[in-house]
N, C-alpha and C. Protein backbone atom coordinates (compact mmCIF):
# COMPACT_ATOMS: atom_id res chain seq x y z
N MET A 1 -87.92 -15.20 11.31
CA MET A 1 -86.78 -13.67 11.30
C MET A 1 -86.27 -13.23 9.91
N LEU A 2 -85.95 -14.93 9.16
CA LEU A 2 -85.04 -14.28 7.83
C LEU A 2 -86.45 -14.26 6.97
N ASN A 3 -87.33 -14.92 7.13
CA ASN A 3 -88.46 -14.35 6.23
C ASN A 3 -89.06 -12.96 6.30
N ASN A 4 -88.70 -12.00 7.36
CA ASN A 4 -89.22 -10.59 7.26
C ASN A 4 -88.09 -9.93 6.60
N LEU A 5 -86.59 -10.65 5.92
CA LEU A 5 -85.85 -9.91 5.39
C LEU A 5 -85.96 -10.35 4.16
N THR A 6 -85.33 -9.25 3.12
CA THR A 6 -85.38 -8.74 1.96
C THR A 6 -84.49 -9.91 1.06
N ARG A 7 -84.81 -10.10 -0.02
CA ARG A 7 -83.91 -10.64 -1.00
C ARG A 7 -82.39 -10.23 -0.68
N ARG A 8 -81.84 -9.56 -0.81
CA ARG A 8 -80.77 -8.53 -0.60
C ARG A 8 -80.35 -8.85 0.55
N GLU A 9 -80.85 -8.68 1.46
CA GLU A 9 -80.93 -8.51 2.96
C GLU A 9 -80.27 -10.21 3.25
N ARG A 10 -80.66 -10.97 2.58
CA ARG A 10 -80.88 -12.63 3.41
C ARG A 10 -79.15 -13.01 2.73
N LEU A 11 -79.07 -12.44 1.02
CA LEU A 11 -78.16 -12.52 0.73
C LEU A 11 -76.79 -11.79 1.57
N PHE A 12 -76.80 -11.01 1.86
CA PHE A 12 -75.43 -10.26 3.19
C PHE A 12 -75.31 -11.21 4.32
N VAL A 13 -76.47 -11.39 4.82
CA VAL A 13 -76.71 -12.62 6.20
C VAL A 13 -75.84 -13.43 5.76
N LEU A 14 -76.16 -14.53 4.32
CA LEU A 14 -75.50 -15.61 4.16
C LEU A 14 -74.08 -15.49 4.14
N ILE A 15 -73.98 -14.32 3.33
CA ILE A 15 -72.22 -14.16 2.91
C ILE A 15 -71.58 -13.48 4.31
N GLY A 16 -72.08 -13.14 4.95
CA GLY A 16 -71.67 -12.90 6.62
C GLY A 16 -71.15 -14.61 7.43
N GLY A 17 -72.25 -15.18 7.03
CA GLY A 17 -72.37 -16.36 7.66
C GLY A 17 -70.95 -17.51 7.44
N LEU A 18 -71.34 -17.36 5.96
CA LEU A 18 -70.07 -18.02 5.29
C LEU A 18 -68.61 -17.58 5.44
N ALA A 19 -68.59 -16.36 5.63
CA ALA A 19 -67.60 -15.29 6.00
C ALA A 19 -66.72 -16.16 7.20
N VAL A 20 -68.03 -16.20 8.21
CA VAL A 20 -67.31 -16.60 9.76
C VAL A 20 -67.30 -18.18 10.02
N VAL A 21 -67.87 -18.77 9.24
CA VAL A 21 -67.70 -20.06 9.24
C VAL A 21 -66.53 -20.54 8.67
N ALA A 22 -66.15 -19.59 7.80
CA ALA A 22 -64.44 -19.57 6.90
C ALA A 22 -63.33 -19.44 7.82
N VAL A 23 -63.38 -18.27 8.64
CA VAL A 23 -62.78 -17.72 9.21
C VAL A 23 -62.67 -18.39 10.92
N LEU A 24 -63.69 -19.57 10.94
CA LEU A 24 -63.95 -20.29 12.11
C LEU A 24 -62.97 -21.64 11.57
N VAL A 25 -63.53 -22.07 10.58
CA VAL A 25 -62.41 -23.27 10.13
C VAL A 25 -60.74 -22.88 10.19
N TYR A 26 -60.62 -22.05 9.10
CA TYR A 26 -59.31 -21.67 8.92
C TYR A 26 -58.57 -21.68 10.28
N LEU A 27 -59.06 -20.88 11.63
CA LEU A 27 -58.51 -20.38 12.77
C LEU A 27 -58.14 -21.94 13.44
N THR A 28 -59.79 -22.98 13.54
CA THR A 28 -59.56 -24.07 14.04
C THR A 28 -58.89 -25.24 13.66
N VAL A 29 -58.81 -25.04 12.33
CA VAL A 29 -58.58 -26.49 11.41
C VAL A 29 -57.12 -25.97 10.85
N ILE A 30 -57.08 -25.18 9.55
CA ILE A 30 -56.13 -24.80 8.94
C ILE A 30 -54.97 -24.08 9.91
N GLU A 31 -54.66 -23.08 10.62
CA GLU A 31 -53.81 -22.63 11.14
C GLU A 31 -53.20 -23.58 11.84
N PRO A 32 -53.61 -24.55 12.38
CA PRO A 32 -53.23 -25.27 13.84
C PRO A 32 -52.49 -26.26 12.87
N TYR A 33 -52.78 -27.01 12.00
CA TYR A 33 -52.35 -27.90 11.00
C TYR A 33 -51.08 -27.49 10.53
N ARG A 34 -51.16 -26.37 10.18
CA ARG A 34 -49.90 -25.45 9.33
C ARG A 34 -48.88 -25.40 10.52
N GLN A 35 -49.50 -24.81 11.29
CA GLN A 35 -48.42 -24.60 12.74
C GLN A 35 -47.91 -26.13 13.28
N MET A 36 -48.09 -26.76 12.97
CA MET A 36 -47.84 -28.49 13.64
C MET A 36 -47.09 -29.04 12.31
N LEU A 37 -47.39 -29.04 11.11
CA LEU A 37 -46.18 -28.70 9.83
C LEU A 37 -45.00 -28.42 10.16
N ASP A 38 -45.14 -27.04 10.13
CA ASP A 38 -43.86 -26.12 10.84
C ASP A 38 -43.04 -27.11 12.02
N ARG A 39 -43.78 -27.23 13.09
CA ARG A 39 -43.10 -27.75 14.30
C ARG A 39 -42.77 -29.19 13.81
N LEU A 40 -43.29 -29.72 13.25
CA LEU A 40 -42.72 -30.92 12.72
C LEU A 40 -41.26 -31.10 11.67
N ASP A 41 -41.68 -29.60 10.84
CA ASP A 41 -40.44 -29.54 10.12
C ASP A 41 -39.18 -29.34 10.60
N ARG A 42 -39.42 -28.08 11.86
CA ARG A 42 -38.08 -27.93 12.68
C ARG A 42 -37.55 -28.84 13.06
N GLN A 43 -38.45 -30.47 13.44
CA GLN A 43 -38.02 -31.08 14.59
C GLN A 43 -37.04 -32.17 13.35
N ILE A 44 -37.77 -32.48 12.25
CA ILE A 44 -37.08 -33.02 11.35
C ILE A 44 -35.54 -32.52 11.06
N SER A 45 -35.73 -31.12 11.30
CA SER A 45 -34.33 -30.41 10.40
C SER A 45 -32.95 -30.46 11.98
N ALA A 46 -33.55 -30.24 13.28
CA ALA A 46 -33.05 -30.65 13.95
C ALA A 46 -32.83 -32.02 14.41
N GLY A 47 -33.53 -33.44 13.97
CA GLY A 47 -32.85 -34.43 14.07
C GLY A 47 -32.12 -34.65 12.73
N ARG A 48 -31.79 -33.72 11.89
CA ARG A 48 -30.83 -34.08 10.71
C ARG A 48 -29.30 -33.55 11.18
N GLN A 49 -29.94 -32.61 11.84
CA GLN A 49 -28.86 -32.19 12.75
C GLN A 49 -27.84 -32.87 13.36
N GLN A 50 -28.47 -33.67 14.36
CA GLN A 50 -28.17 -34.12 15.42
C GLN A 50 -27.29 -35.41 14.85
N VAL A 51 -27.90 -36.01 13.70
CA VAL A 51 -27.40 -36.98 12.83
C VAL A 51 -25.96 -36.62 12.84
N ALA A 52 -26.19 -35.49 11.89
CA ALA A 52 -24.77 -35.23 11.26
C ALA A 52 -23.87 -34.81 12.27
N ASP A 53 -24.38 -34.52 13.46
CA ASP A 53 -23.11 -34.14 14.28
C ASP A 53 -22.81 -35.48 15.00
N ALA A 54 -23.60 -36.52 15.21
CA ALA A 54 -23.06 -37.70 15.73
C ALA A 54 -22.38 -38.13 14.64
N LEU A 55 -22.29 -38.12 13.17
CA LEU A 55 -21.35 -38.49 12.05
C LEU A 55 -19.78 -38.29 12.46
N VAL A 56 -19.88 -36.98 12.82
CA VAL A 56 -18.45 -36.35 12.93
C VAL A 56 -17.95 -36.91 14.54
N LEU A 57 -18.57 -36.73 15.34
CA LEU A 57 -18.51 -37.37 16.47
C LEU A 57 -17.70 -38.63 16.36
N LYS A 58 -18.42 -39.52 15.42
CA LYS A 58 -17.99 -41.21 14.95
C LYS A 58 -17.16 -40.63 14.56
N GLN A 59 -16.33 -40.30 13.59
CA GLN A 59 -15.41 -40.04 12.97
C GLN A 59 -14.13 -39.81 13.44
N GLU A 60 -14.53 -38.88 14.89
CA GLU A 60 -13.46 -38.34 15.72
C GLU A 60 -13.21 -39.26 16.49
N LEU A 61 -13.97 -40.02 16.91
CA LEU A 61 -13.63 -41.42 17.82
C LEU A 61 -13.03 -42.48 17.08
N LEU A 62 -13.48 -42.72 15.67
CA LEU A 62 -12.48 -43.78 15.13
C LEU A 62 -11.19 -43.44 14.78
N GLN A 63 -10.84 -41.80 14.53
CA GLN A 63 -9.72 -41.45 14.53
C GLN A 63 -9.13 -41.48 16.02
N LEU A 64 -9.52 -41.18 16.85
CA LEU A 64 -8.87 -41.22 18.11
C LEU A 64 -8.68 -42.92 18.56
N GLN A 65 -9.61 -43.45 18.07
CA GLN A 65 -9.04 -45.11 18.16
C GLN A 65 -7.85 -45.45 17.81
N ALA A 66 -7.69 -45.11 16.09
CA ALA A 66 -6.99 -45.69 15.21
C ALA A 66 -5.62 -44.93 16.14
N GLU A 67 -5.18 -43.44 16.29
CA GLU A 67 -4.39 -43.14 17.13
C GLU A 67 -3.67 -44.12 18.00
N LEU A 68 -4.77 -44.53 19.41
CA LEU A 68 -4.60 -45.02 20.11
C LEU A 68 -4.06 -46.36 20.13
N GLY A 69 -4.42 -46.85 18.77
CA GLY A 69 -4.09 -48.22 18.23
C GLY A 69 -2.40 -48.52 17.76
N ARG A 70 -2.36 -47.17 17.35
CA ARG A 70 -0.94 -46.71 16.63
C ARG A 70 0.10 -46.94 18.06
N ALA A 71 -0.76 -46.16 19.13
CA ALA A 71 0.24 -45.90 19.91
C ALA A 71 0.58 -47.08 20.57
N ARG A 72 -0.20 -48.04 20.76
CA ARG A 72 -0.26 -49.47 21.11
C ARG A 72 0.76 -49.99 20.50
N LYS A 73 0.77 -50.09 18.90
CA LYS A 73 1.38 -50.99 18.13
C LYS A 73 2.42 -50.71 18.21
N GLN A 74 3.04 -49.14 18.35
CA GLN A 74 4.09 -48.90 18.57
C GLN A 74 5.14 -48.95 19.86
N GLY A 75 4.08 -49.33 20.55
CA GLY A 75 4.66 -49.64 22.09
C GLY A 75 4.90 -48.61 23.24
N GLY A 76 4.26 -47.37 22.47
CA GLY A 76 4.59 -46.12 23.04
C GLY A 76 5.85 -45.61 23.41
N ALA A 77 6.25 -45.29 24.37
CA ALA A 77 7.96 -44.77 24.70
C ALA A 77 8.61 -45.75 25.25
N ARG A 78 9.88 -46.10 24.60
CA ARG A 78 10.52 -46.77 25.65
C ARG A 78 10.70 -46.84 26.67
N LYS A 79 11.32 -47.86 27.86
CA LYS A 79 11.33 -47.78 29.15
C LYS A 79 12.31 -46.83 29.55
N ASP A 80 13.49 -46.58 28.68
CA ASP A 80 14.50 -45.79 29.18
C ASP A 80 14.75 -44.50 28.38
N PHE A 81 13.20 -44.09 27.57
CA PHE A 81 12.98 -42.37 27.31
C PHE A 81 12.57 -41.59 27.74
N ALA A 82 12.80 -40.36 27.88
CA ALA A 82 12.36 -39.66 28.52
C ALA A 82 12.11 -37.96 27.79
N LEU A 83 11.30 -37.79 28.16
CA LEU A 83 10.44 -37.04 27.41
C LEU A 83 10.83 -35.53 27.57
N ILE A 84 11.25 -34.88 28.83
CA ILE A 84 12.02 -33.30 28.98
C ILE A 84 13.40 -33.41 28.51
N PRO A 85 13.92 -34.17 28.73
CA PRO A 85 15.28 -34.26 28.56
C PRO A 85 15.10 -34.08 26.79
N PHE A 86 14.78 -34.92 26.34
CA PHE A 86 14.44 -34.91 24.48
C PHE A 86 13.83 -33.87 23.89
N VAL A 87 12.75 -33.35 24.70
CA VAL A 87 12.31 -31.79 24.08
C VAL A 87 12.90 -30.61 24.35
N GLU A 88 14.05 -30.67 25.21
CA GLU A 88 14.63 -29.72 25.26
C GLU A 88 16.11 -29.65 24.85
N ASN A 89 16.95 -31.13 24.80
CA ASN A 89 17.47 -31.07 23.47
C ASN A 89 17.40 -30.85 22.31
N LEU A 90 16.07 -30.89 21.83
CA LEU A 90 15.29 -30.84 20.22
C LEU A 90 15.21 -29.13 20.11
N ALA A 91 14.78 -28.71 21.26
CA ALA A 91 14.38 -27.23 20.89
C ALA A 91 15.99 -26.54 21.15
N ILE A 92 16.90 -27.00 21.83
CA ILE A 92 18.35 -26.22 21.74
C ILE A 92 18.96 -26.75 20.68
N ARG A 93 19.15 -27.96 20.21
CA ARG A 93 19.50 -28.05 18.84
C ARG A 93 18.98 -27.54 17.16
N ILE A 94 17.93 -27.21 17.40
CA ILE A 94 16.97 -27.02 16.43
C ILE A 94 16.79 -25.13 16.46
N ALA A 95 16.57 -24.59 17.77
CA ALA A 95 16.50 -23.29 17.71
C ALA A 95 17.75 -22.79 18.41
N SER A 96 17.75 -22.31 19.86
CA SER A 96 19.00 -22.19 20.99
C SER A 96 18.46 -22.21 21.98
N LYS A 97 19.11 -22.10 22.79
CA LYS A 97 18.61 -22.09 24.57
C LYS A 97 18.04 -20.85 24.53
N GLU A 98 18.42 -20.06 24.03
CA GLU A 98 17.62 -18.73 24.63
C GLU A 98 16.71 -18.24 23.72
N ASN A 99 15.80 -19.40 22.90
CA ASN A 99 14.81 -19.40 22.25
C ASN A 99 13.50 -20.05 23.30
N LEU A 100 14.34 -20.83 24.06
CA LEU A 100 13.29 -22.01 24.79
C LEU A 100 13.02 -20.98 26.30
N VAL A 101 11.89 -20.63 26.46
CA VAL A 101 11.60 -19.71 27.06
C VAL A 101 11.09 -20.50 28.76
N ASN A 102 10.23 -21.63 28.52
CA ASN A 102 9.89 -22.09 29.59
C ASN A 102 9.32 -23.57 29.21
N MET A 103 9.91 -24.56 29.94
CA MET A 103 9.16 -25.96 30.01
C MET A 103 8.15 -26.38 31.26
N ARG A 104 7.17 -26.66 31.31
CA ARG A 104 6.17 -27.68 32.39
C ARG A 104 5.73 -28.26 32.19
N PRO A 105 6.52 -29.41 32.80
CA PRO A 105 5.68 -30.79 32.37
C PRO A 105 4.30 -31.20 33.09
N GLN A 106 3.46 -31.62 32.48
CA GLN A 106 1.93 -31.74 32.78
C GLN A 106 1.83 -32.95 33.71
N PRO A 107 0.87 -32.97 34.59
CA PRO A 107 0.79 -34.18 35.39
C PRO A 107 0.20 -35.55 34.51
N PRO A 108 0.55 -36.37 34.82
CA PRO A 108 0.34 -37.99 33.94
C PRO A 108 -1.04 -38.20 33.89
N ALA A 109 -1.63 -38.54 32.98
CA ALA A 109 -2.77 -38.99 33.04
C ALA A 109 -2.92 -40.68 32.29
N THR A 110 -3.85 -41.40 32.65
CA THR A 110 -3.93 -42.80 32.62
C THR A 110 -4.94 -43.10 31.79
N VAL A 111 -5.04 -43.37 30.21
CA VAL A 111 -5.93 -43.87 29.59
C VAL A 111 -6.13 -45.17 29.45
N GLU A 112 -6.92 -46.21 29.73
CA GLU A 112 -7.13 -47.30 29.69
C GLU A 112 -5.80 -47.81 30.28
N ASP A 113 -4.75 -48.53 29.35
CA ASP A 113 -3.71 -49.49 29.79
C ASP A 113 -2.40 -48.10 29.16
N LEU A 114 -2.48 -46.97 29.05
CA LEU A 114 -1.29 -45.95 28.74
C LEU A 114 -1.51 -45.05 29.23
N THR A 115 -0.35 -44.62 30.04
CA THR A 115 -0.26 -43.17 30.84
C THR A 115 0.39 -42.29 29.69
N GLU A 116 -0.16 -41.06 29.66
CA GLU A 116 0.30 -40.04 28.46
C GLU A 116 1.10 -39.35 29.88
N GLU A 117 2.55 -38.77 29.44
CA GLU A 117 2.83 -38.02 30.13
C GLU A 117 2.89 -36.76 28.89
N ALA A 118 3.15 -35.43 29.37
CA ALA A 118 3.08 -33.95 28.30
C ALA A 118 4.09 -33.09 29.33
N VAL A 119 4.44 -32.36 27.97
CA VAL A 119 5.58 -31.02 28.64
C VAL A 119 4.70 -30.17 27.62
N ASN A 120 4.42 -28.99 28.33
CA ASN A 120 4.54 -27.73 27.79
C ASN A 120 5.46 -26.82 27.55
N ILE A 121 5.73 -26.65 26.15
CA ILE A 121 7.04 -25.78 26.15
C ILE A 121 6.44 -24.54 25.26
N LYS A 122 7.41 -23.33 25.65
CA LYS A 122 7.17 -22.08 24.71
C LYS A 122 8.24 -21.83 24.22
N LEU A 123 8.40 -21.33 22.97
CA LEU A 123 9.75 -20.75 22.31
C LEU A 123 9.50 -19.15 21.64
N GLU A 124 10.51 -18.82 21.80
CA GLU A 124 10.12 -17.27 20.88
C GLU A 124 11.15 -17.19 20.17
N LYS A 125 10.37 -16.33 19.13
CA LYS A 125 11.70 -15.64 18.24
C LYS A 125 12.11 -17.01 17.31
N LEU A 126 11.11 -17.55 16.53
CA LEU A 126 11.40 -19.07 15.69
C LEU A 126 11.26 -18.80 14.39
N SER A 127 12.11 -18.96 13.27
CA SER A 127 11.44 -18.95 12.35
C SER A 127 10.68 -19.92 11.58
N LEU A 128 9.93 -19.66 10.58
CA LEU A 128 8.81 -20.83 9.85
C LEU A 128 9.85 -21.89 9.80
N GLU A 129 10.84 -21.81 9.18
CA GLU A 129 11.82 -23.12 9.01
C GLU A 129 12.14 -24.01 10.23
N GLN A 130 12.28 -23.29 11.30
CA GLN A 130 12.79 -24.13 12.84
C GLN A 130 11.77 -24.57 13.06
N LEU A 131 10.30 -24.09 13.34
CA LEU A 131 9.33 -24.72 13.57
C LEU A 131 8.75 -25.78 12.68
N VAL A 132 9.03 -25.95 11.63
CA VAL A 132 8.97 -26.97 11.13
C VAL A 132 9.87 -28.26 10.92
N ARG A 133 10.96 -27.78 11.26
CA ARG A 133 11.94 -28.61 11.54
C ARG A 133 11.72 -29.58 12.70
N MET A 134 11.44 -28.61 13.93
CA MET A 134 10.70 -29.20 15.21
C MET A 134 9.92 -29.75 15.02
N LEU A 135 8.77 -29.38 14.61
CA LEU A 135 7.64 -30.38 14.25
C LEU A 135 7.87 -31.50 13.79
N HIS A 136 8.63 -31.59 12.31
CA HIS A 136 9.30 -32.89 11.98
C HIS A 136 10.15 -34.09 12.37
N ALA A 137 10.91 -33.36 13.40
CA ALA A 137 11.80 -33.98 14.22
C ALA A 137 10.61 -35.03 15.62
N ILE A 138 10.03 -34.10 15.96
CA ILE A 138 9.13 -34.98 16.98
C ILE A 138 8.22 -36.12 15.97
N ASP A 139 8.13 -35.71 15.03
CA ASP A 139 7.34 -36.37 14.60
C ASP A 139 7.89 -37.94 13.97
N SER A 140 8.76 -37.70 14.18
CA SER A 140 9.90 -38.64 12.98
C SER A 140 10.68 -39.08 14.49
N ALA A 141 10.41 -39.16 15.81
CA ALA A 141 11.25 -39.47 16.67
C ALA A 141 11.19 -41.14 16.96
N ASP A 142 11.76 -41.60 17.95
CA ASP A 142 12.16 -43.02 17.88
C ASP A 142 10.61 -43.44 18.64
N ALA A 143 10.08 -42.54 19.54
CA ALA A 143 9.56 -42.95 20.31
C ALA A 143 7.76 -42.18 19.79
N TYR A 144 7.01 -42.61 20.48
CA TYR A 144 5.48 -42.39 20.00
C TYR A 144 5.34 -41.17 20.86
N LEU A 145 5.47 -39.74 19.40
CA LEU A 145 5.29 -38.36 19.87
C LEU A 145 4.18 -38.02 19.74
N GLN A 146 3.37 -37.22 20.53
CA GLN A 146 2.13 -36.11 19.57
C GLN A 146 2.40 -34.85 20.16
N VAL A 147 2.10 -33.68 19.28
CA VAL A 147 1.90 -32.57 19.52
C VAL A 147 0.35 -32.18 19.23
N LYS A 148 -0.04 -32.33 20.98
CA LYS A 148 -1.39 -32.27 21.86
C LYS A 148 -2.18 -30.82 21.30
N ASN A 149 -1.39 -29.65 21.39
CA ASN A 149 -1.60 -28.54 20.99
C ASN A 149 -0.64 -27.70 20.85
N LEU A 150 -1.43 -26.62 19.45
CA LEU A 150 0.15 -25.58 18.89
C LEU A 150 -0.35 -24.28 18.90
N GLN A 151 0.24 -23.17 19.58
CA GLN A 151 -0.56 -22.26 19.39
C GLN A 151 0.67 -21.07 18.78
N LEU A 152 0.34 -20.57 17.98
CA LEU A 152 1.60 -19.71 17.41
C LEU A 152 1.16 -17.93 17.44
N LYS A 153 2.19 -17.64 17.44
CA LYS A 153 1.83 -15.75 17.49
C LYS A 153 3.10 -14.97 16.79
N ARG A 154 2.83 -14.31 15.94
CA ARG A 154 3.95 -13.56 15.09
C ARG A 154 4.28 -12.46 15.90
N ARG A 155 5.59 -12.22 16.00
CA ARG A 155 6.16 -11.17 16.63
C ARG A 155 5.68 -9.63 16.44
N PHE A 156 5.82 -8.70 16.98
CA PHE A 156 5.32 -7.68 16.81
C PHE A 156 6.13 -6.72 16.23
N GLU A 157 7.79 -7.03 16.62
CA GLU A 157 8.58 -6.52 16.05
C GLU A 157 9.23 -6.96 14.77
N ASP A 158 9.05 -8.26 14.62
CA ASP A 158 9.35 -8.66 13.09
C ASP A 158 8.79 -10.00 13.60
N ILE A 159 7.61 -9.70 11.70
CA ILE A 159 6.50 -10.30 11.79
C ILE A 159 6.88 -11.79 10.77
N SER A 160 8.29 -12.12 10.71
CA SER A 160 8.37 -13.14 10.29
C SER A 160 9.21 -14.52 11.31
N LEU A 161 9.34 -13.68 12.26
CA LEU A 161 9.74 -14.60 13.68
C LEU A 161 8.13 -14.87 14.22
N LEU A 162 8.07 -16.09 15.24
CA LEU A 162 7.02 -16.40 15.88
C LEU A 162 7.08 -17.11 16.80
N ASP A 163 6.22 -16.93 18.17
CA ASP A 163 6.13 -17.35 19.47
C ASP A 163 5.57 -18.50 19.18
N ALA A 164 5.87 -19.95 19.72
CA ALA A 164 5.31 -21.12 19.72
C ALA A 164 5.08 -21.45 21.06
N THR A 165 3.72 -22.12 21.54
CA THR A 165 3.43 -22.67 22.70
C THR A 165 2.75 -23.95 22.26
N MET A 166 3.55 -24.87 22.76
CA MET A 166 3.13 -26.61 22.38
C MET A 166 2.89 -27.25 23.63
N THR A 167 1.96 -28.17 23.05
CA THR A 167 2.18 -29.38 24.10
C THR A 167 2.47 -30.84 23.65
N ILE A 168 3.65 -31.31 24.12
CA ILE A 168 4.10 -32.54 23.05
C ILE A 168 4.04 -33.90 24.12
N ALA A 169 3.41 -34.72 23.72
CA ALA A 169 2.84 -35.90 24.64
C ALA A 169 3.62 -37.26 24.17
N THR A 170 3.92 -37.94 25.42
CA THR A 170 4.34 -39.57 24.78
C THR A 170 3.56 -40.55 25.34
N TYR A 171 3.44 -41.96 25.46
CA TYR A 171 2.61 -42.45 26.10
C TYR A 171 3.50 -44.03 26.57
N ARG A 172 2.95 -44.28 27.50
CA ARG A 172 3.81 -45.55 27.85
C ARG A 172 3.04 -46.32 28.56
N SER A 173 2.80 -47.92 28.50
CA SER A 173 2.35 -49.20 28.42
C SER A 173 2.09 -48.75 30.24
N VAL A 174 1.13 -48.99 30.77
CA VAL A 174 1.03 -49.18 31.97
C VAL A 174 1.55 -50.43 32.83
N ASN A 175 0.93 -51.73 31.96
CA ASN A 175 1.71 -53.14 32.39
C ASN A 175 3.42 -52.85 32.52
């Protein structure tokens, strides 16, 4: 059959055959190989991201363990320390009774050999200086206190004043 074709026709058939073979090689070998490399690159990137996330979690764990160790070292709150009256007196002393909107004790939680006692307080119309003084007083208290949550909002009528909602916790040894 190829013998009946002219030299020029044979050349076209040969070029067409080579083109078909090239397309088949591309579709069956090169393209799947490229897709596999892309998939492996994505898996490597995902693995690197997982390692980075694990390192961040490790740092957070070490920080939490250090805080737990500090709380144990300080012995937590004294047996005669009462969190709610302390926070109430602190808020009244630094701000005023009118600024203290509410106080809600949180249910106690036990972590290993420590019991966490927490109170959620809401203060309104605080100046930034009053808030800083309050946070400093909490940080420098005789008992181990921690501000676990702090949310601030500016007042609409006076942007120099703040509304603050915070959760203050102390820890006691279970023993």
